[in-house]
């Protein structure tokens, strides 16, 4: 059961990386690359500050308005 929990978290964070990538880029090639390397992509976005000041929760909410 522990393996299933981690795979579900992996899927959710991968989808979150897709949302962030599409919000800033609108490019299918970058979207695919960011899904393949989503852990590195999310760390990159955190380091450059795209997810600061509440953007980490504004980006997903912008898709469900």
Protein backbone atom coordinates (compact mmCIF):
# COMPACT_ATOMS: atom_id res chain seq x y z
CA UNK A 1 0.00 0.00 0.00
CA UNK A 2 2.92 2.34 0.65
CA UNK A 3 4.05 2.02 -2.98
CA UNK A 4 0.59 3.06 -4.20
CA UNK A 5 0.61 6.16 -1.99
CA UNK A 6 3.94 7.31 -3.38
CA UNK A 7 2.86 6.69 -6.97
CA UNK A 8 -0.29 8.75 -6.39
CA UNK A 9 1.81 11.59 -4.97
CA UNK A 10 4.15 11.30 -7.97
CA UNK A 11 1.17 11.65 -10.33
CA UNK A 12 -0.29 14.64 -8.47
CA UNK A 13 3.04 16.50 -8.39
CA UNK A 14 3.58 15.70 -12.07
CA UNK A 15 0.20 17.22 -12.92
CA UNK A 16 1.04 20.25 -10.77
CA UNK A 17 4.28 20.66 -12.74
CA UNK A 18 2.23 20.60 -15.95
CA UNK A 19 -0.05 23.32 -14.61
CA UNK A 20 2.86 25.54 -13.66
CA UNK A 21 4.61 24.97 -16.97
CA UNK A 22 1.53 25.74 -19.04
CA UNK A 23 0.74 28.84 -16.94
CA UNK A 24 4.11 30.39 -17.71
CA UNK A 25 5.07 28.97 -21.13
CA UNK A 26 2.12 27.81 -23.30
CA UNK A 27 4.47 25.55 -25.24
CA UNK A 28 3.87 21.82 -25.80
CA UNK A 29 7.55 20.90 -26.07
CA UNK A 30 8.40 22.58 -22.77
CA UNK A 31 5.28 20.98 -21.28
CA UNK A 32 6.52 17.52 -22.23
CA UNK A 33 10.04 18.20 -20.96
CA UNK A 34 8.73 19.58 -17.68
CA UNK A 35 6.57 16.46 -17.17
CA UNK A 36 9.51 14.15 -17.78
CA UNK A 37 11.80 16.07 -15.45
CA UNK A 38 9.14 17.47 -13.11
CA UNK A 39 11.15 17.23 -9.86
CA UNK A 40 13.94 19.33 -11.35
CA UNK A 41 11.44 21.67 -12.97
CA UNK A 42 9.61 22.34 -9.69
CA UNK A 43 12.89 22.97 -7.88
CA UNK A 44 13.88 25.36 -10.68
CA UNK A 45 10.57 27.23 -10.39
CA UNK A 46 10.99 27.49 -6.62
CA UNK A 47 14.53 28.82 -6.93
CA UNK A 48 13.72 31.52 -9.49
CA UNK A 49 10.69 32.64 -7.50
CA UNK A 50 7.79 31.82 -9.80
CA UNK A 51 6.02 29.99 -6.97
CA UNK A 52 6.54 32.64 -4.30
CA UNK A 53 4.04 35.16 -2.94
CA UNK A 54 1.14 32.72 -3.12
CA UNK A 55 1.55 31.79 -6.78
CA UNK A 56 1.85 28.13 -5.77
CA UNK A 57 -1.89 28.17 -4.97
CA UNK A 58 -3.06 30.82 -7.49
CA UNK A 59 -1.82 28.82 -10.49
CA UNK A 60 -3.97 25.70 -9.87
CA UNK A 61 -6.99 27.84 -8.96
CA UNK A 62 -6.70 29.69 -12.27
CA UNK A 63 -7.57 26.46 -14.11
CA UNK A 64 -10.76 25.85 -12.11
CA UNK A 65 -12.41 29.28 -12.30
